[in-house]
Amino acid sequence: MTEILDAQRRHWQDTFIRNPDMFGSLPSYPAGIAAEMFNKEGKKLILELGGGQGRDTIFFAKSGLHVTVLDYSESAVGTIADTAERLGLAGYITALQHDVRVALPFADESMDGCYSHMLYCMALTTSELEFVSREVRRVLRPNGLHVYTVRHMKDPHFGKGLHRGEDMYECGGFIVHFFSREKVERLAEGFEIASVDEFEEGELPRKLFLVTLRKK
């Protein structure tokens, strides 16, 4: 099972190389919500997990936020850095290659907010997700916001394709970890759950939770 989950890194890397504009250039819906919340509360130092090709990263920087973005795809990190340089946003964006299954390379209470769009529904086990959540809480300052999205069990792909353990299913070569509200609550230890909203994205459409947590 570990080999299957680890192979997703190579699959995403190859996918980004073949299709450098896979998700388009426009920011996602949750990025707009998150940027508004961060700016309203004066939270300017933001950590983004799983930035992909950087559409939300660039939007955050244009919104005046300073973003440190992590992704385990070397090509994705390179694309973000190149785009930031080309747009004159290099002073607002730091792009690093990192596997979130390893401790985050930041000091305790060094970030104002954390954001991720579908990183939590990648090929990560529940125990790995608990580790990620603890690390996010560690690096957030008191009252810091943690905003993330995940596909949930009403999604059309839930239960389809190859079962890869727990609530993970592989469709079209991509493994997705689907969430229940109970799992959202389980991963919120040490946080206050500010909101759990539902939204849709894409042509399928994908059905997602938009989760907003506040560090206690």
Protein backbone atom coordinates (compact mmCIF):
# COMPACT_ATOMS: atom_id res chain seq x y z
CA MET A 1 0.00 0.00 0.00
CA THR A 2 2.82 2.42 0.82
CA GLU A 3 4.31 1.91 -2.65
CA ILE A 4 0.92 2.64 -4.26
CA LEU A 5 0.48 5.86 -2.29
CA ASP A 6 4.08 6.93 -2.89
CA ALA A 7 3.61 6.42 -6.65
CA GLN A 8 1.16 9.32 -6.63
CA ARG A 9 4.08 11.72 -6.31
CA ARG A 10 5.50 10.53 -9.63
CA HIS A 11 2.03 10.56 -11.19
CA TRP A 12 1.40 14.20 -10.22
CA GLN A 13 4.92 15.20 -11.31
CA ASP A 14 4.39 13.62 -14.74
CA THR A 15 0.92 15.14 -15.03
CA PHE A 16 2.15 18.67 -14.34
CA ILE A 17 4.94 18.24 -16.89
CA ARG A 18 2.52 17.02 -19.58
CA ASN A 19 -0.14 19.62 -18.78
CA PRO A 20 1.44 22.76 -17.29
CA ASP A 21 -1.94 24.56 -17.24
CA MET A 22 -4.00 21.67 -15.86
CA PHE A 23 -6.19 23.76 -13.53
CA GLY A 24 -6.16 26.99 -15.49
CA SER A 25 -4.91 30.37 -14.31
CA LEU A 26 -7.97 31.71 -12.51
CA PRO A 27 -8.04 31.40 -8.71
CA SER A 28 -10.34 28.85 -7.13
CA TYR A 29 -13.53 29.80 -5.29
CA PRO A 30 -12.12 28.89 -1.84
CA ALA A 31 -9.03 31.02 -2.48
CA GLY A 32 -11.27 34.07 -2.79
CA ILE A 33 -13.00 33.23 0.48
CA ALA A 34 -9.70 32.59 2.25
CA ALA A 35 -8.00 35.76 0.97
CA GLU A 36 -10.92 37.86 2.18
CA MET A 37 -10.75 36.29 5.64
CA PHE A 38 -6.97 36.61 5.90
CA ASN A 39 -6.97 40.25 4.85
CA LYS A 40 -9.95 41.16 7.04
CA GLU A 41 -8.09 39.88 10.11
CA GLY A 42 -4.71 41.26 9.06
CA LYS A 43 -3.18 37.81 8.63
CA LYS A 44 -0.43 38.47 6.09
CA LEU A 45 2.01 35.56 6.50
CA ILE A 46 0.31 32.60 4.86
CA LEU A 47 1.42 29.00 4.39
CA GLU A 48 -0.08 27.18 1.40
CA LEU A 49 0.14 23.39 1.27
CA GLY A 50 0.04 21.65 -2.10
CA GLY A 51 0.13 24.74 -4.30
CA GLY A 52 0.05 22.82 -7.59
CA GLN A 53 0.71 25.15 -10.48
CA GLY A 54 0.14 28.21 -8.33
CA ARG A 55 -3.16 29.71 -9.44
CA ASP A 56 -4.20 30.39 -5.83
CA THR A 57 -0.66 31.30 -4.76
CA ILE A 58 -0.47 34.05 -7.38
CA PHE A 59 -3.93 35.32 -6.39
CA PHE A 60 -2.91 35.54 -2.73
CA ALA A 61 0.23 37.48 -3.63
CA LYS A 62 -1.76 39.88 -5.79
CA SER A 63 -4.06 40.34 -2.78
CA GLY A 64 -1.12 41.60 -0.73
CA LEU A 65 -0.43 38.38 1.19
CA HIS A 66 3.06 36.95 1.69
CA VAL A 67 2.83 33.27 0.79
CA THR A 68 5.18 30.39 1.49
CA VAL A 69 3.91 27.61 -0.76
CA LEU A 70 4.89 23.95 -0.51
CA ASP A 71 4.41 21.19 -3.07
CA TYR A 72 6.04 17.79 -3.45
CA SER A 73 6.26 18.19 -7.25
CA GLU A 74 9.54 19.77 -8.32
CA SER A 75 8.01 20.93 -11.62
CA ALA A 76 5.09 22.59 -9.79
CA VAL A 77 7.43 24.50 -7.48
CA GLY A 78 9.51 25.61 -10.47
CA THR A 79 6.41 26.80 -12.32
CA ILE A 80 5.25 28.88 -9.34
CA ALA A 81 8.67 30.46 -8.85
CA ASP A 82 8.98 31.29 -12.55
CA THR A 83 5.49 32.80 -12.69
CA ALA A 84 6.11 34.88 -9.56
CA GLU A 85 9.32 36.24 -11.08
CA ARG A 86 7.66 37.02 -14.40
CA LEU A 87 4.78 38.88 -12.71
CA GLY A 88 7.00 40.83 -10.35
CA LEU A 89 5.66 38.98 -7.31
CA ALA A 90 8.83 37.22 -6.21
CA GLY A 91 8.95 39.38 -3.07
CA TYR A 92 5.60 37.96 -1.98
CA ILE A 93 6.11 34.26 -2.79
CA THR A 94 8.52 31.63 -1.50
CA ALA A 95 8.08 28.26 -3.24
CA LEU A 96 9.61 25.13 -1.69
CA GLN A 97 9.54 21.44 -2.53
CA HIS A 98 8.35 19.50 0.52
CA ASP A 99 6.49 16.31 1.43
CA VAL A 100 3.86 17.12 4.08
CA ARG A 101 4.37 13.69 5.62
CA VAL A 102 7.60 15.20 6.98
CA ALA A 103 7.63 17.92 9.67
CA LEU A 104 7.06 21.40 8.27
CA PRO A 105 10.35 23.34 8.00
CA PHE A 106 9.14 26.32 10.02
CA ALA A 107 9.42 27.53 13.60
CA ASP A 108 6.56 27.27 16.08
CA GLU A 109 3.95 30.04 15.78
CA SER A 110 5.57 31.58 12.70
CA MET A 111 2.54 31.77 10.37
CA ASP A 112 -0.70 33.78 10.52
CA GLY A 113 -2.74 31.41 8.37
CA CYS A 114 -2.65 28.17 6.43
CA TYR A 115 -4.52 27.30 3.24
CA SER A 116 -4.81 24.22 1.06
CA HIS A 117 -7.14 23.33 -1.78
CA MET A 118 -7.69 19.54 -1.93
CA LEU A 119 -4.29 18.71 -0.40
CA TYR A 120 -6.09 16.88 2.41
CA CYS A 121 -7.88 14.61 -0.06
CA MET A 122 -4.66 13.42 -1.71
CA ALA A 123 -3.22 9.95 -1.11
CA LEU A 124 -2.66 10.49 2.60
CA THR A 125 -3.82 8.10 5.31
CA THR A 126 -5.84 9.38 8.25
CA SER A 127 -2.84 9.04 10.56
CA GLU A 128 -0.75 11.09 8.10
CA LEU A 129 -3.48 13.72 7.94
CA GLU A 130 -3.53 13.90 11.74
CA PHE A 131 0.22 14.55 11.61
CA VAL A 132 -0.26 17.31 9.02
CA SER A 133 -2.95 18.93 11.17
CA ARG A 134 -0.72 18.86 14.25
CA GLU A 135 2.10 20.44 12.24
CA VAL A 136 -0.20 23.16 10.90
CA ARG A 137 -1.35 23.92 14.42
CA ARG A 138 2.27 24.05 15.61
CA VAL A 139 3.35 26.65 13.06
CA LEU A 140 0.23 28.81 13.37
CA ARG A 141 0.17 31.72 15.77
CA PRO A 142 -2.58 31.85 18.40
CA ASN A 143 -5.93 32.64 16.76
CA GLY A 144 -4.45 31.66 13.39
CA LEU A 145 -6.76 30.47 10.63
CA HIS A 146 -6.53 27.10 8.88
CA VAL A 147 -8.64 26.98 5.71
CA TYR A 148 -8.78 23.80 3.63
CA THR A 149 -11.00 21.98 1.16
CA VAL A 150 -11.71 18.27 0.66
CA ARG A 151 -13.99 16.20 -1.51
CA HIS A 152 -16.72 14.59 0.57
CA MET A 153 -18.81 11.43 0.40
CA LYS A 154 -21.58 12.93 -1.75
CA ASP A 155 -19.02 13.37 -4.53
CA PRO A 156 -19.86 11.33 -7.68
CA HIS A 157 -16.47 9.56 -7.52
CA PHE A 158 -16.84 8.34 -3.95
CA GLY A 159 -16.88 4.54 -3.91
CA LYS A 160 -15.91 4.34 -7.58
CA GLY A 161 -12.72 2.90 -9.08
CA LEU A 162 -10.10 0.97 -7.11
CA HIS A 163 -10.40 0.99 -3.32
CA ARG A 164 -7.02 1.99 -1.85
CA GLY A 165 -7.81 1.64 1.84
CA GLU A 166 -9.80 3.71 4.33
CA ASP A 167 -11.96 6.15 2.30
CA MET A 168 -9.53 6.36 -0.63
CA TYR A 169 -10.44 5.45 -4.20
CA GLU A 170 -8.39 5.61 -7.38
CA CYS A 171 -10.04 6.96 -10.54
CA GLY A 172 -8.12 7.79 -13.70
CA GLY A 173 -4.80 7.20 -11.97
CA PHE A 174 -5.47 9.67 -9.13
CA ILE A 175 -6.11 8.52 -5.56
CA VAL A 176 -8.64 10.64 -3.66
CA HIS A 177 -9.29 10.54 0.08
CA PHE A 178 -12.97 11.37 0.63
CA PHE A 179 -14.15 13.01 3.86
CA SER A 180 -17.09 12.70 6.18
CA ARG A 181 -17.98 15.45 8.66
CA GLU A 182 -16.77 13.09 11.38
CA LYS A 183 -13.31 13.05 9.81
CA VAL A 184 -13.30 16.86 9.66
CA GLU A 185 -14.06 16.90 13.38
CA ARG A 186 -11.39 14.27 14.10
CA LEU A 187 -8.73 16.37 12.38
CA ALA A 188 -9.76 19.56 14.18
CA GLU A 189 -8.14 18.68 17.50
CA GLY A 190 -6.68 21.83 19.02
CA PHE A 191 -8.78 24.04 16.76
CA GLU A 192 -12.18 25.64 16.97
CA ILE A 193 -14.34 24.71 13.95
CA ALA A 194 -15.50 28.08 12.63
CA SER A 195 -17.44 26.67 9.66
CA VAL A 196 -17.87 23.69 7.35
CA ASP A 197 -19.54 24.74 4.09
CA GLU A 198 -20.32 22.75 0.96
CA PHE A 199 -19.57 23.86 -2.60
CA GLU A 200 -19.12 22.38 -6.07
CA GLU A 201 -16.28 22.72 -8.55
CA GLY A 202 -15.58 21.56 -12.10
CA GLU A 203 -17.66 19.85 -14.72
CA LEU A 204 -18.39 16.58 -12.88
CA PRO A 205 -18.99 18.46 -10.57
CA ARG A 206 -16.72 17.66 -7.63
CA LYS A 207 -18.48 18.11 -4.29
CA LEU A 208 -16.35 19.60 -1.53
CA PHE A 209 -16.25 20.85 2.03
CA LEU A 210 -14.71 24.25 2.71
CA VAL A 211 -13.41 23.96 6.28
CA THR A 212 -12.36 26.95 8.37
CA LEU A 213 -10.58 26.29 11.66
CA ARG A 214 -9.18 28.69 14.23
CA LYS A 215 -6.28 27.77 16.49
CA LYS A 216 -7.34 27.81 20.11
